[in-house]
Amino acid sequence: MKKVLLTGATGYVGGRLLPRLTARDCAVRCLVRRPPENPAGNAEYVTGDVLDPGSLSLALDGVRAAYYLIHSMGSVRDFEALDREAAANFARAAAQSRVERIIYLGGLGDDRGPLSPHLRSRQEVGQVLADSGVPVIELRASIVLGAGSLSFELIRSLVERLPVMVTPRWVTVTAQPIAVADLLDYLVAALDLPARGHRIFEIGGSEAVSYGDLMREYARQRGLRRWMIPVPLLTPRLSSLWLRLVAPQYSRVGRRLIDSLRHPTVVRDTEALRVFGVHPRGFKEAVEEALREAAGSEQ
């Protein structure tokens, strides 16, 4: 039976990936800082931290595949330096434990030009992991749509609370959002993909749209009348202050996310559609599913 290590198991994506993995014919071990109060019955939990190299050898012992779903965007410290250090520690320990593949969830963005610190860090982490010599399957995604995801909850907070929105230029920048269910399908399928070297796959939904399109679609499905007034001079810094007033719970991570929204995050290489047996849905269906899940969790 294949033993799989899951990092980030208490996070948004990892928490949804865990039951998918335990349903397969594999033994799942979760690396956590603190064991959860209600652990998944079919998973093993090992206490450790990617910033503590000495805690990783036990977690990786006997592991054939490892999911790396960690980032430090919510940290008050230099998140790029933390992510670099964490990835280097994990990659070194994975190589020493003879892990056969690392599956990493990174971020879309055209690396032929300058990127925001967030997007630059996401892509740097993928390279740091690959530098270990362990085969890496890197899935680069844009906005993840699902109840509870940061991007969806930002849209939800803005549209629900603001009948009239003064919108900055980044609202018009193109992204390629992916439904969380489709993202999970890609992550699970990556377990069976031939692992050789550093393989990068760009993944997204079936349509490229803007944040403005997503907000308008959310409002339409909720039956809300909303007006968006474009103001091109609203800088990322002012946008983050605006966000702090409307959705203070997301202000720190949201500031760093908004800084990335000036860059298009669209799929340029469609190899993933040929290699994986995943048929991503469109953004309207993704918003509908997220709303349905959100409504169910509130009952």
Protein backbone atom coordinates (compact mmCIF):
# COMPACT_ATOMS: atom_id res chain seq x y z
CA MET A 1 0.00 0.00 0.00
CA LYS A 2 1.39 3.40 -1.01
CA LYS A 3 2.11 5.71 1.93
CA VAL A 4 1.30 9.37 1.26
CA LEU A 5 2.28 12.37 3.36
CA LEU A 6 -0.12 15.31 3.37
CA THR A 7 1.09 18.70 4.57
CA GLY A 8 -1.40 21.50 5.06
CA ALA A 9 -4.05 18.98 6.08
CA THR A 10 -5.81 21.54 8.30
CA GLY A 11 -5.91 24.16 5.54
CA TYR A 12 -8.62 24.84 2.99
CA VAL A 13 -7.37 22.60 0.16
CA GLY A 14 -5.66 20.02 2.36
CA GLY A 15 -8.73 19.57 4.53
CA ARG A 16 -10.79 18.72 1.44
CA LEU A 17 -8.09 16.57 -0.09
CA LEU A 18 -7.70 14.37 2.99
CA PRO A 19 -10.99 12.42 2.65
CA ARG A 20 -10.29 11.93 -1.07
CA LEU A 21 -6.95 10.34 -0.21
CA THR A 22 -8.22 8.16 2.64
CA ALA A 23 -10.86 6.77 0.27
CA ARG A 24 -8.08 5.47 -2.01
CA ASP A 25 -5.90 2.41 -1.54
CA CYS A 26 -3.14 4.32 0.25
CA ALA A 27 -2.05 5.01 3.82
CA VAL A 28 -2.27 8.73 4.59
CA ARG A 29 -0.03 10.44 7.12
CA CYS A 30 -0.62 14.10 7.99
CA LEU A 31 2.15 16.44 9.11
CA VAL A 32 0.61 18.91 11.59
CA ARG A 33 1.88 21.36 14.17
CA ARG A 34 -0.86 20.31 16.57
CA PRO A 35 -3.01 17.16 16.28
CA PRO A 36 -6.66 18.05 15.51
CA GLU A 37 -9.35 17.53 18.12
CA ASN A 38 -11.36 15.38 15.72
CA PRO A 39 -8.82 13.52 13.56
CA ALA A 40 -9.86 11.67 10.43
CA GLY A 41 -10.28 8.02 11.37
CA ASN A 42 -8.23 6.59 8.51
CA ALA A 43 -5.29 8.98 8.74
CA GLU A 44 -2.13 8.94 10.84
CA TYR A 45 -0.97 12.23 12.38
CA VAL A 46 2.64 13.18 13.03
CA THR A 47 3.59 16.37 14.83
CA GLY A 48 6.19 18.48 13.08
CA ASP A 49 6.95 21.76 11.35
CA VAL A 50 8.60 22.42 8.00
CA LEU A 51 10.64 25.18 9.69
CA ASP A 52 12.07 22.55 12.05
CA PRO A 53 14.18 20.19 9.89
CA GLY A 54 14.65 17.72 12.72
CA SER A 55 10.91 17.02 12.86
CA LEU A 56 10.63 15.92 9.23
CA SER A 57 12.51 12.62 9.06
CA LEU A 58 9.90 10.73 11.08
CA ALA A 59 7.06 12.24 9.06
CA LEU A 60 8.66 11.22 5.76
CA ASP A 61 9.83 7.77 6.82
CA GLY A 62 8.49 5.19 4.36
CA VAL A 63 6.58 7.80 2.34
CA ARG A 64 6.41 7.33 -1.42
CA ALA A 65 4.53 10.53 -2.35
CA ALA A 66 4.22 13.83 -0.49
CA TYR A 67 1.79 16.70 -0.98
CA TYR A 68 3.28 20.12 -0.30
CA LEU A 69 0.37 22.49 0.38
CA ILE A 70 2.08 25.05 2.61
CA HIS A 71 2.55 28.80 2.37
CA SER A 72 3.32 31.62 4.82
CA MET A 73 1.20 34.42 3.34
CA GLY A 74 -0.57 35.00 6.65
CA SER A 75 2.70 35.54 8.52
CA VAL A 76 3.68 38.96 9.86
CA ARG A 77 7.29 38.10 8.95
CA ASP A 78 8.93 38.00 5.52
CA PHE A 79 6.74 35.32 3.95
CA GLU A 80 9.03 34.86 0.93
CA ALA A 81 12.00 34.01 3.16
CA LEU A 82 9.88 31.70 5.29
CA ASP A 83 8.49 29.87 2.26
CA ARG A 84 11.98 29.50 0.81
CA GLU A 85 13.36 28.08 4.06
CA ALA A 86 10.40 25.75 4.58
CA ALA A 87 10.58 24.36 1.04
CA ALA A 88 14.35 23.81 1.29
CA ASN A 89 13.96 21.93 4.59
CA PHE A 90 11.19 19.76 3.22
CA ALA A 91 12.95 19.04 -0.06
CA ARG A 92 16.16 18.02 1.68
CA ALA A 93 14.31 15.68 4.05
CA ALA A 94 12.27 14.21 1.18
CA ALA A 95 15.44 13.43 -0.77
CA GLN A 96 17.05 11.80 2.26
CA SER A 97 13.93 9.66 2.77
CA ARG A 98 13.91 8.64 -0.92
CA VAL A 99 10.45 10.05 -1.56
CA GLU A 100 9.44 9.20 -5.12
CA ARG A 101 7.46 12.35 -5.87
CA ILE A 102 6.36 15.66 -4.41
CA ILE A 103 3.03 17.09 -5.55
CA TYR A 104 2.99 20.84 -5.11
CA LEU A 105 0.18 23.36 -5.56
CA GLY A 106 1.65 26.59 -6.88
CA GLY A 107 0.34 29.69 -8.63
CA LEU A 108 -0.22 30.78 -12.22
CA GLY A 109 1.57 33.81 -13.57
CA ASP A 110 3.75 34.62 -16.57
CA ASP A 111 7.29 34.18 -15.27
CA ARG A 112 8.75 35.83 -18.37
CA GLY A 113 8.16 39.21 -16.70
CA PRO A 114 8.06 40.69 -13.19
CA LEU A 115 5.62 39.11 -10.76
CA SER A 116 4.20 40.16 -7.41
CA PRO A 117 6.00 38.84 -4.30
CA HIS A 118 3.19 36.31 -3.76
CA LEU A 119 3.27 34.84 -7.27
CA ARG A 120 7.06 35.02 -7.41
CA SER A 121 7.28 33.08 -4.14
CA ARG A 122 4.80 30.42 -5.27
CA GLN A 123 6.92 29.69 -8.33
CA GLU A 124 10.20 29.90 -6.45
CA VAL A 125 8.99 27.25 -3.99
CA GLY A 126 8.34 24.86 -6.87
CA GLN A 127 11.91 25.31 -8.07
CA VAL A 128 13.36 24.88 -4.57
CA LEU A 129 11.50 21.60 -4.20
CA ALA A 130 12.72 20.40 -7.60
CA ASP A 131 16.34 21.34 -6.84
CA SER A 132 16.39 18.47 -4.33
CA GLY A 133 16.37 15.95 -7.16
CA VAL A 134 13.04 14.49 -6.06
CA PRO A 135 10.58 14.44 -9.01
CA VAL A 136 8.06 17.27 -8.58
CA ILE A 137 4.61 17.57 -10.11
CA GLU A 138 3.75 21.26 -9.82
CA LEU A 139 0.16 22.30 -10.45
CA ARG A 140 -0.13 26.04 -11.04
CA ALA A 141 -3.61 27.41 -10.39
CA SER A 142 -5.30 30.80 -10.32
CA ILE A 143 -8.34 31.68 -8.17
CA VAL A 144 -9.88 28.71 -6.35
CA LEU A 145 -13.68 28.91 -6.14
CA GLY A 146 -15.39 27.11 -3.30
CA ALA A 147 -17.16 27.97 -0.07
CA GLY A 148 -14.44 28.94 2.38
CA SER A 149 -11.72 29.65 -0.16
CA LEU A 150 -10.04 33.02 0.28
CA SER A 151 -10.91 34.27 -3.20
CA PHE A 152 -14.56 33.24 -2.97
CA GLU A 153 -14.98 34.68 0.53
CA LEU A 154 -13.48 37.99 -0.59
CA ILE A 155 -15.99 38.16 -3.44
CA ARG A 156 -18.78 37.17 -1.08
CA SER A 157 -17.86 39.84 1.49
CA LEU A 158 -17.62 42.60 -1.08
CA VAL A 159 -20.81 41.82 -2.98
CA GLU A 160 -22.94 41.10 0.09
CA ARG A 161 -21.88 44.28 1.92
CA LEU A 162 -21.47 46.89 -0.81
CA PRO A 163 -24.45 47.82 -3.04
CA VAL A 164 -22.17 50.30 -4.80
CA MET A 165 -18.50 49.42 -5.24
CA VAL A 166 -15.73 51.78 -6.23
CA THR A 167 -13.54 49.30 -8.05
CA PRO A 168 -9.80 49.57 -8.79
CA ARG A 169 -8.16 48.54 -12.04
CA TRP A 170 -7.30 45.03 -10.82
CA VAL A 171 -11.01 44.14 -10.93
CA THR A 172 -10.67 44.04 -14.75
CA VAL A 173 -7.54 41.84 -14.87
CA THR A 174 -8.11 38.38 -16.33
CA ALA A 175 -7.86 35.19 -14.28
CA GLN A 176 -8.85 31.58 -14.90
CA PRO A 177 -10.69 30.45 -11.75
CA ILE A 178 -10.95 26.76 -10.96
CA ALA A 179 -13.66 25.05 -8.91
CA VAL A 180 -12.24 23.44 -5.79
CA ALA A 181 -13.70 20.07 -6.84
CA ASP A 182 -11.74 20.20 -10.10
CA LEU A 183 -8.58 21.22 -8.25
CA LEU A 184 -8.96 18.21 -5.97
CA ASP A 185 -9.42 15.96 -9.00
CA TYR A 186 -6.09 17.19 -10.38
CA LEU A 187 -4.32 16.71 -7.05
CA VAL A 188 -5.57 13.15 -6.67
CA ALA A 189 -4.78 12.26 -10.30
CA ALA A 190 -1.22 13.52 -9.82
CA LEU A 191 -0.57 10.46 -7.62
CA ASP A 192 -0.80 8.20 -10.66
CA LEU A 193 0.98 10.41 -13.18
CA PRO A 194 4.43 9.21 -14.27
CA ALA A 195 6.93 11.20 -12.21
CA ARG A 196 10.03 12.35 -14.03
CA GLY A 197 11.96 15.48 -13.19
CA HIS A 198 10.11 18.74 -12.61
CA ARG A 199 6.76 18.68 -14.43
CA ILE A 200 4.75 21.92 -14.40
CA PHE A 201 1.07 21.89 -15.33
CA GLU A 202 -1.08 25.00 -15.64
CA ILE A 203 -4.63 24.28 -14.53
CA GLY A 204 -7.82 26.34 -14.56
CA GLY A 205 -11.51 26.30 -15.27
CA SER A 206 -12.97 26.32 -18.75
CA GLU A 207 -13.16 30.14 -18.98
CA ALA A 208 -10.93 33.15 -18.39
CA VAL A 209 -12.78 35.97 -16.61
CA SER A 210 -12.07 38.95 -14.36
CA TYR A 211 -12.77 39.51 -10.68
CA GLY A 212 -15.45 41.93 -11.84
CA ASP A 213 -17.10 39.16 -13.85
CA LEU A 214 -17.03 36.92 -10.78
CA MET A 215 -18.60 39.60 -8.60
CA ARG A 216 -21.33 40.27 -11.15
CA GLU A 217 -22.06 36.55 -11.45
CA TYR A 218 -22.20 36.17 -7.68
CA ALA A 219 -24.64 39.07 -7.47
CA ARG A 220 -26.78 37.62 -10.28
CA GLN A 221 -27.06 34.23 -8.62
CA ARG A 222 -27.88 35.84 -5.27
CA GLY A 223 -30.48 38.12 -6.82
CA LEU A 224 -28.62 41.26 -5.74
CA ARG A 225 -28.44 44.53 -7.66
CA ARG A 226 -24.89 45.87 -7.51
CA TRP A 227 -23.14 48.75 -9.23
CA MET A 228 -19.41 48.90 -9.85
CA ILE A 229 -17.80 52.26 -10.52
CA PRO A 230 -14.26 51.91 -11.92
CA VAL A 231 -11.59 54.16 -10.41
CA PRO A 232 -8.22 53.41 -12.02
CA LEU A 233 -6.26 55.41 -9.42
CA LEU A 234 -7.14 53.10 -6.52
CA THR A 235 -3.72 51.55 -5.86
CA PRO A 236 -3.12 48.11 -4.32
CA ARG A 237 -2.32 49.84 -1.01
CA LEU A 238 -5.59 51.79 -1.03
CA SER A 239 -7.38 48.62 -2.16
CA SER A 240 -6.06 46.80 0.87
CA LEU A 241 -7.31 49.58 3.17
CA TRP A 242 -10.69 49.32 1.44
CA LEU A 243 -10.60 45.58 2.01
CA ARG A 244 -9.72 46.04 5.69
CA LEU A 245 -12.92 48.03 6.18
CA VAL A 246 -15.14 45.53 4.37
CA ALA A 247 -13.52 42.19 5.23
CA PRO A 248 -11.05 42.73 8.11
CA GLN A 249 -10.63 38.97 8.70
CA TYR A 250 -8.88 38.70 5.32
CA SER A 251 -6.90 41.93 5.43
CA ARG A 252 -3.35 40.57 5.90
CA VAL A 253 -3.53 37.76 3.36
CA GLY A 254 -5.89 39.80 1.17
CA ARG A 255 -3.35 42.61 0.91
CA ARG A 256 -0.79 40.22 -0.52
CA LEU A 257 -3.36 38.59 -2.77
CA ILE A 258 -4.57 41.93 -4.13
CA ASP A 259 -0.97 42.88 -4.91
CA SER A 260 -0.95 39.87 -7.24
CA LEU A 261 -4.18 40.76 -9.02
CA ARG A 262 -2.48 43.25 -11.32
CA HIS A 263 -0.99 40.22 -13.11
CA PRO A 264 -3.12 38.03 -15.39
CA THR A 265 -3.26 34.44 -14.13
CA VAL A 266 -4.47 32.44 -17.10
CA VAL A 267 -3.53 29.07 -18.57
CA ARG A 268 -1.08 29.46 -21.45
CA ASP A 269 -0.04 25.80 -21.72
CA THR A 270 -2.99 23.40 -22.03
CA GLU A 271 -0.96 20.20 -21.56
CA ALA A 272 -2.87 19.38 -18.35
CA LEU A 273 -6.07 18.93 -20.36
CA ARG A 274 -4.32 16.28 -22.44
CA VAL A 275 -2.51 14.49 -19.61
CA PHE A 276 -5.12 14.43 -16.85
CA GLY A 277 -8.60 12.98 -17.15
CA VAL A 278 -10.14 16.13 -15.67
CA HIS A 279 -12.75 18.23 -17.47
CA PRO A 280 -12.93 21.54 -15.56
CA ARG A 281 -16.26 23.30 -15.24
CA GLY A 282 -16.99 26.95 -15.96
CA PHE A 283 -17.00 29.78 -13.42
CA LYS A 284 -20.80 30.08 -13.30
CA GLU A 285 -21.16 26.47 -12.23
CA ALA A 286 -18.30 26.90 -9.76
CA VAL A 287 -19.99 29.92 -8.17
CA GLU A 288 -23.29 28.04 -8.02
CA GLU A 289 -21.66 25.09 -6.24
CA ALA A 290 -19.86 27.37 -3.81
CA LEU A 291 -23.10 29.15 -2.93
CA ARG A 292 -24.88 25.84 -2.45
CA GLU A 293 -22.12 24.58 -0.14
CA ALA A 294 -22.07 27.84 1.81
CA ALA A 295 -25.84 27.70 2.28
CA GLY A 296 -25.63 24.10 3.47
CA SER A 297 -22.94 24.90 6.05
CA GLU A 298 -25.05 27.73 7.48
CA GLN A 299 -28.11 25.55 8.11
